[in-house]
Amino acid sequence: MVFVRRTTSTLLLWGLVTAAFASMKAWAYLGLIGGLTVIATLEYFRMLRAGGVKCFPRFGMLVVLGYCAVLYVPLLRGGAEVSAELDAMAVFVVIAGAFALQLRHPIRGIEALVAVAANVMGFIYVAFLFNFAAKLVFMVDGKGEVPGAFLLLWCLAVTKFTDMGAYLVGSMVGRHKMIPHVSPGKTWEGFGGALFFSQLAGCGLYAMFPGELGVLQSWGHVVLLGFLLAVLAVIGDLAESVVKRALEAKDSGRMLPGIGGALDLVDSICFTAPALYFYLKWVLLPSA
């Protein structure tokens, strides 16, 4: 039943991604990314509150909404890359704001620092990192409103095939536990499946769309990025396991039967999208 539910949710998600991809409209891409950002952040704060961790969820959600609005408006208007100062300003706002809110409450040991850190982490871990997926769409030159559409599709496919490979191979032949104190279900056999499936997706898409994915330049970069993103996808999945285990939460939400919530969906993308972005910016497109 878990497999059936997970498969159904996965097909539904790919249906939404396909619909957004087929539209080739910037608002569809940013709407999907922004919606998942808001829901995932809300789930994060709900887990904190359920776990008894003091935080400032209303302020956190306000910062995320403001960040997405300021980030998306120029992208919708012309697709120009947003200045890095926006990210620095957002981090400053969330740190200063969290400390300002904490000033209203008495200091009870480390609780005050945890409250501030929880809000800062909520913004950086979810909204800041996941929105590199939005930046990927507009960082390359091309026709139409979403010049990097195939680049984002490639990133999502490699990331999710990594997750799928780890789950399928680990479920069927997994014997040797990988990190049992964090995620008892993860096995080294599953990790091998993750690496294989990432190459299957990355190389397969590059072979089918060499022109659209020309920014990746060569098979060497494709293979290297496939392995890099696979490792980071696994780390991203385990990072959320650390959060859930610390807060004694099984899933971040119930939006997706068999998968969990939005944060369970985007956890690995929060690590792979920034890595692909910086690899392109510093290695493949150093003059951009």
Protein backbone atom coordinates (compact mmCIF):
# COMPACT_ATOMS: atom_id res chain seq x y z
CA MET A 1 0.00 0.00 0.00
CA VAL A 2 2.86 2.38 0.76
CA PHE A 3 4.35 1.68 -2.66
CA VAL A 4 0.99 2.23 -4.39
CA ARG A 5 0.38 5.50 -2.53
CA ARG A 6 3.91 6.70 -3.18
CA THR A 7 3.62 5.84 -6.88
CA THR A 8 0.26 7.60 -7.18
CA SER A 9 1.59 10.73 -5.50
CA THR A 10 4.70 10.66 -7.69
CA LEU A 11 2.61 10.41 -10.87
CA LEU A 12 0.42 13.28 -9.69
CA LEU A 13 3.46 15.43 -9.00
CA TRP A 14 5.02 14.69 -12.36
CA GLY A 15 1.66 15.57 -13.91
CA LEU A 16 1.81 19.01 -12.29
CA VAL A 17 5.43 19.47 -13.34
CA THR A 18 4.57 18.41 -16.89
CA ALA A 19 1.65 20.85 -17.03
CA ALA A 20 3.85 23.72 -15.84
CA PHE A 21 6.62 22.68 -18.25
CA ALA A 22 4.23 22.42 -21.21
CA SER A 23 2.81 25.88 -20.54
CA MET A 24 6.26 27.48 -20.94
CA LYS A 25 4.95 30.38 -18.88
CA ALA A 26 7.04 32.03 -16.19
CA TRP A 27 4.03 32.46 -13.89
CA ALA A 28 3.34 28.71 -13.99
CA TYR A 29 6.91 27.83 -12.99
CA LEU A 30 7.13 30.45 -10.27
CA GLY A 31 3.63 29.68 -9.05
CA LEU A 32 4.52 26.03 -8.54
CA ILE A 33 7.86 26.81 -6.88
CA GLY A 34 6.38 29.58 -4.75
CA GLY A 35 3.43 27.46 -3.65
CA LEU A 36 5.70 24.61 -2.56
CA THR A 37 7.97 27.09 -0.78
CA VAL A 38 5.13 28.53 1.28
CA ILE A 39 3.59 25.15 2.13
CA ALA A 40 6.95 23.58 3.03
CA THR A 41 7.83 26.53 5.28
CA LEU A 42 4.44 26.33 6.99
CA GLU A 43 5.01 22.61 7.60
CA TYR A 44 8.43 23.37 9.07
CA PHE A 45 7.01 25.81 11.62
CA ARG A 46 4.16 23.44 12.45
CA MET A 47 6.68 20.70 13.22
CA LEU A 48 8.58 23.10 15.46
CA ARG A 49 5.48 24.05 17.39
CA ALA A 50 4.36 20.43 17.67
CA GLY A 51 7.82 19.55 18.97
CA GLY A 52 7.63 22.23 21.66
CA VAL A 53 10.27 24.47 20.07
CA LYS A 54 9.75 28.18 20.59
CA CYS A 55 9.75 30.15 17.33
CA PHE A 56 8.05 33.03 15.53
CA PRO A 57 6.04 31.39 12.72
CA ARG A 58 4.02 34.45 11.67
CA PHE A 59 7.17 36.49 11.22
CA GLY A 60 8.82 33.57 9.44
CA MET A 61 5.96 33.19 6.98
CA LEU A 62 5.86 36.96 6.37
CA VAL A 63 9.56 36.98 5.49
CA VAL A 64 9.10 34.05 3.10
CA LEU A 65 6.15 35.68 1.35
CA GLY A 66 8.03 38.96 1.03
CA TYR A 67 11.16 37.24 -0.25
CA CYS A 68 9.25 35.31 -2.91
CA ALA A 69 7.40 38.45 -4.03
CA VAL A 70 10.57 40.54 -4.35
CA LEU A 71 12.38 37.66 -6.08
CA TYR A 72 9.63 36.76 -8.54
CA VAL A 73 8.43 40.18 -9.71
CA PRO A 74 11.58 41.07 -11.72
CA LEU A 75 11.77 37.50 -13.02
CA LEU A 76 8.20 37.73 -14.31
CA ARG A 77 8.83 41.09 -15.93
CA GLY A 78 11.94 40.28 -17.85
CA GLY A 79 13.65 37.16 -16.64
CA ALA A 80 16.69 39.09 -15.46
CA GLU A 81 18.76 37.52 -12.71
CA VAL A 82 18.06 39.07 -9.33
CA SER A 83 20.92 40.76 -7.53
CA ALA A 84 22.68 38.79 -4.80
CA GLU A 85 22.02 41.72 -2.46
CA LEU A 86 18.42 40.53 -2.19
CA ASP A 87 19.50 37.28 -0.55
CA ALA A 88 21.85 39.10 1.81
CA MET A 89 19.09 41.56 2.75
CA ALA A 90 16.61 38.73 3.39
CA VAL A 91 19.07 36.96 5.71
CA PHE A 92 19.68 40.23 7.53
CA VAL A 93 15.93 40.85 7.93
CA VAL A 94 15.22 37.38 9.31
CA ILE A 95 18.11 37.56 11.82
CA ALA A 96 17.37 41.10 12.99
CA GLY A 97 13.63 40.47 13.10
CA ALA A 98 13.94 37.24 15.09
CA PHE A 99 16.19 38.91 17.67
CA ALA A 100 13.80 41.87 17.86
CA LEU A 101 10.87 39.56 18.56
CA GLN A 102 12.86 37.67 21.17
CA LEU A 103 13.43 40.93 23.07
CA ARG A 104 9.77 40.82 24.11
CA HIS A 105 10.24 37.55 26.01
CA PRO A 106 12.26 36.66 29.13
CA ILE A 107 15.53 34.79 28.67
CA ARG A 108 15.24 31.17 29.77
CA GLY A 109 18.62 29.64 29.14
CA ILE A 110 19.31 28.52 25.59
CA GLU A 111 15.63 28.77 24.60
CA ALA A 112 16.10 32.32 23.31
CA LEU A 113 18.94 31.32 20.99
CA VAL A 114 17.01 28.30 19.77
CA ALA A 115 14.01 30.50 18.92
CA VAL A 116 16.14 32.86 16.82
CA ALA A 117 18.11 30.04 15.19
CA ALA A 118 14.93 28.11 14.36
CA ASN A 119 13.55 31.08 12.41
CA VAL A 120 16.82 31.73 10.61
CA MET A 121 17.14 28.07 9.67
CA GLY A 122 13.53 27.97 8.48
CA PHE A 123 14.20 30.72 5.95
CA ILE A 124 17.62 29.56 4.76
CA TYR A 125 16.88 25.82 4.72
CA VAL A 126 13.54 26.03 2.90
CA ALA A 127 12.82 29.32 1.13
CA PHE A 128 16.37 30.43 0.34
CA LEU A 129 17.74 27.08 -0.84
CA PHE A 130 14.63 25.84 -2.68
CA ASN A 131 14.28 29.08 -4.65
CA PHE A 132 17.51 28.32 -6.46
CA ALA A 133 15.15 26.20 -8.56
CA ALA A 134 13.50 29.44 -9.67
CA LYS A 135 16.86 31.09 -10.33
CA LEU A 136 17.92 28.17 -12.55
CA VAL A 137 15.08 28.92 -14.96
CA PHE A 138 16.35 32.42 -15.69
CA MET A 139 20.13 32.13 -15.41
CA VAL A 140 20.72 31.02 -19.02
CA ASP A 141 20.03 32.76 -22.30
CA GLY A 142 17.30 31.47 -24.57
CA LYS A 143 13.95 32.07 -26.19
CA GLY A 144 10.62 32.40 -24.44
CA GLU A 145 9.67 33.31 -20.90
CA VAL A 146 11.49 30.36 -19.33
CA PRO A 147 14.84 29.93 -21.10
CA GLY A 148 16.11 27.46 -18.50
CA ALA A 149 13.05 25.21 -18.53
CA PHE A 150 14.96 22.12 -19.69
CA LEU A 151 17.73 22.85 -17.21
CA LEU A 152 15.27 22.83 -14.33
CA LEU A 153 13.61 19.70 -15.70
CA TRP A 154 17.00 18.00 -15.83
CA CYS A 155 17.74 18.97 -12.23
CA LEU A 156 14.35 17.72 -11.01
CA ALA A 157 14.63 14.46 -12.95
CA VAL A 158 18.12 13.67 -11.64
CA THR A 159 17.08 14.53 -8.09
CA LYS A 160 13.84 12.57 -8.08
CA PHE A 161 15.29 9.58 -9.93
CA THR A 162 17.93 9.52 -7.21
CA ASP A 163 15.19 9.36 -4.58
CA MET A 164 13.34 6.71 -6.57
CA GLY A 165 16.44 4.60 -7.12
CA ALA A 166 17.32 4.69 -3.43
CA TYR A 167 13.78 3.69 -2.48
CA LEU A 168 13.33 0.91 -5.05
CA VAL A 169 16.73 -0.74 -4.71
CA GLY A 170 16.81 -0.26 -0.95
CA SER A 171 13.35 -1.80 -0.57
CA MET A 172 14.16 -4.81 -2.74
CA VAL A 173 17.73 -5.74 -1.84
CA GLY A 174 18.80 -3.34 0.93
CA ARG A 175 20.62 -5.13 3.73
CA HIS A 176 23.42 -2.94 5.04
CA LYS A 177 22.23 0.08 6.99
CA MET A 178 23.72 3.38 5.91
CA ILE A 179 23.03 5.76 8.82
CA PRO A 180 20.59 3.92 11.12
CA HIS A 181 20.70 6.54 13.88
CA VAL A 182 19.27 9.10 11.42
CA SER A 183 17.21 7.06 8.95
CA PRO A 184 16.83 3.32 9.65
CA GLY A 185 15.47 2.67 6.16
CA LYS A 186 18.50 3.98 4.24
CA THR A 187 20.91 1.30 3.02
CA TRP A 188 24.17 1.27 1.09
CA GLU A 189 22.48 -0.83 -1.58
CA GLY A 190 19.87 1.89 -1.90
CA PHE A 191 22.64 4.48 -2.22
CA GLY A 192 24.09 2.49 -5.10
CA GLY A 193 20.65 2.46 -6.72
CA ALA A 194 20.45 6.23 -6.23
CA LEU A 195 23.74 6.76 -8.08
CA PHE A 196 22.66 4.48 -10.93
CA PHE A 197 19.22 6.03 -11.37
CA SER A 198 20.68 9.55 -11.28
CA GLN A 199 22.92 8.68 -14.23
CA LEU A 200 19.99 7.04 -15.99
CA ALA A 201 17.98 10.26 -15.76
CA GLY A 202 20.84 12.70 -16.36
CA CYS A 203 22.42 10.92 -19.31
CA GLY A 204 19.07 9.88 -20.75
CA LEU A 205 17.71 13.42 -20.88
CA TYR A 206 20.99 14.80 -22.22
CA ALA A 207 20.92 12.24 -25.02
CA MET A 208 17.31 13.09 -25.90
CA PHE A 209 17.69 16.88 -25.71
CA PRO A 210 21.32 17.76 -26.49
CA GLY A 211 20.39 21.14 -27.94
CA GLU A 212 18.10 22.23 -25.13
CA LEU A 213 20.67 21.08 -22.55
CA GLY A 214 23.65 22.45 -24.43
CA VAL A 215 24.56 24.59 -21.42
CA LEU A 216 25.87 21.38 -19.78
CA GLN A 217 28.46 21.34 -22.61
CA SER A 218 29.71 17.74 -22.52
CA TRP A 219 29.14 14.19 -21.30
CA GLY A 220 31.89 14.66 -18.75
CA HIS A 221 30.00 17.49 -17.04
CA VAL A 222 26.73 15.55 -17.27
CA VAL A 223 28.18 12.47 -15.58
CA LEU A 224 30.01 14.49 -12.93
CA LEU A 225 26.93 16.56 -12.15
CA GLY A 226 24.83 13.41 -12.03
CA PHE A 227 27.00 11.95 -9.30
CA LEU A 228 27.29 15.27 -7.46
CA LEU A 229 23.54 15.88 -7.43
CA ALA A 230 22.85 12.27 -6.42
CA VAL A 231 25.09 12.56 -3.35
CA LEU A 232 23.56 15.91 -2.42
CA ALA A 233 20.02 14.58 -2.94
CA VAL A 234 20.73 11.81 -0.45
CA ILE A 235 22.24 14.32 1.99
CA GLY A 236 19.22 16.58 1.55
CA ASP A 237 16.87 13.72 2.29
CA LEU A 238 18.87 12.79 5.37
CA ALA A 239 19.00 16.44 6.48
CA GLU A 240 15.22 16.50 6.72
CA SER A 241 15.37 13.18 8.56
CA VAL A 242 17.57 14.91 11.15
CA VAL A 243 14.94 17.65 11.55
CA LYS A 244 12.03 15.21 11.82
CA ARG A 245 13.89 12.86 14.16
CA ALA A 246 14.87 15.74 16.44
CA LEU A 247 11.24 16.90 16.53
CA GLU A 248 9.84 13.36 16.70
CA ALA A 249 7.79 13.87 13.53
CA LYS A 250 7.12 11.05 11.05
CA ASP A 251 6.35 13.29 8.07
CA SER A 252 6.32 17.04 7.54
CA GLY A 253 2.67 16.88 6.45
CA ARG A 254 -0.04 14.78 4.82
CA MET A 255 -0.38 16.53 1.48
CA LEU A 256 1.04 13.60 -0.49
CA PRO A 257 -0.01 10.07 0.54
CA GLY A 258 3.02 7.77 0.66
CA ILE A 259 5.45 10.69 0.51
CA GLY A 260 4.33 13.11 3.21
CA GLY A 261 4.23 16.86 2.94
CA ALA A 262 5.71 19.51 0.69
CA LEU A 263 8.95 19.60 2.71
CA ASP A 264 9.31 15.83 2.26
CA LEU A 265 9.03 16.52 -1.48
CA VAL A 266 11.50 19.39 -1.82
CA ASP A 267 14.10 18.41 0.81
CA SER A 268 16.52 16.95 -1.73
CA ILE A 269 15.93 19.76 -4.25
CA CYS A 270 16.97 22.25 -1.57
CA PHE A 271 20.48 20.79 -1.90
CA THR A 272 20.67 19.91 -5.60
CA ALA A 273 19.31 23.13 -7.14
CA PRO A 274 21.91 25.41 -5.45
CA ALA A 275 24.71 23.01 -6.40
CA LEU A 276 23.70 23.01 -10.08
CA TYR A 277 23.29 26.79 -10.02
CA PHE A 278 26.77 27.41 -8.63
CA TYR A 279 28.37 24.77 -10.88
CA LEU A 280 26.91 26.53 -13.89
CA LYS A 281 27.85 29.99 -12.64
CA TRP A 282 31.42 29.20 -11.62
CA VAL A 283 32.41 26.35 -13.96
CA LEU A 284 30.30 26.32 -17.11
CA LEU A 285 29.28 29.99 -17.29
CA PRO A 286 32.06 31.84 -15.44
CA SER A 287 31.48 35.05 -17.43
CA ALA A 288 27.72 35.14 -16.61
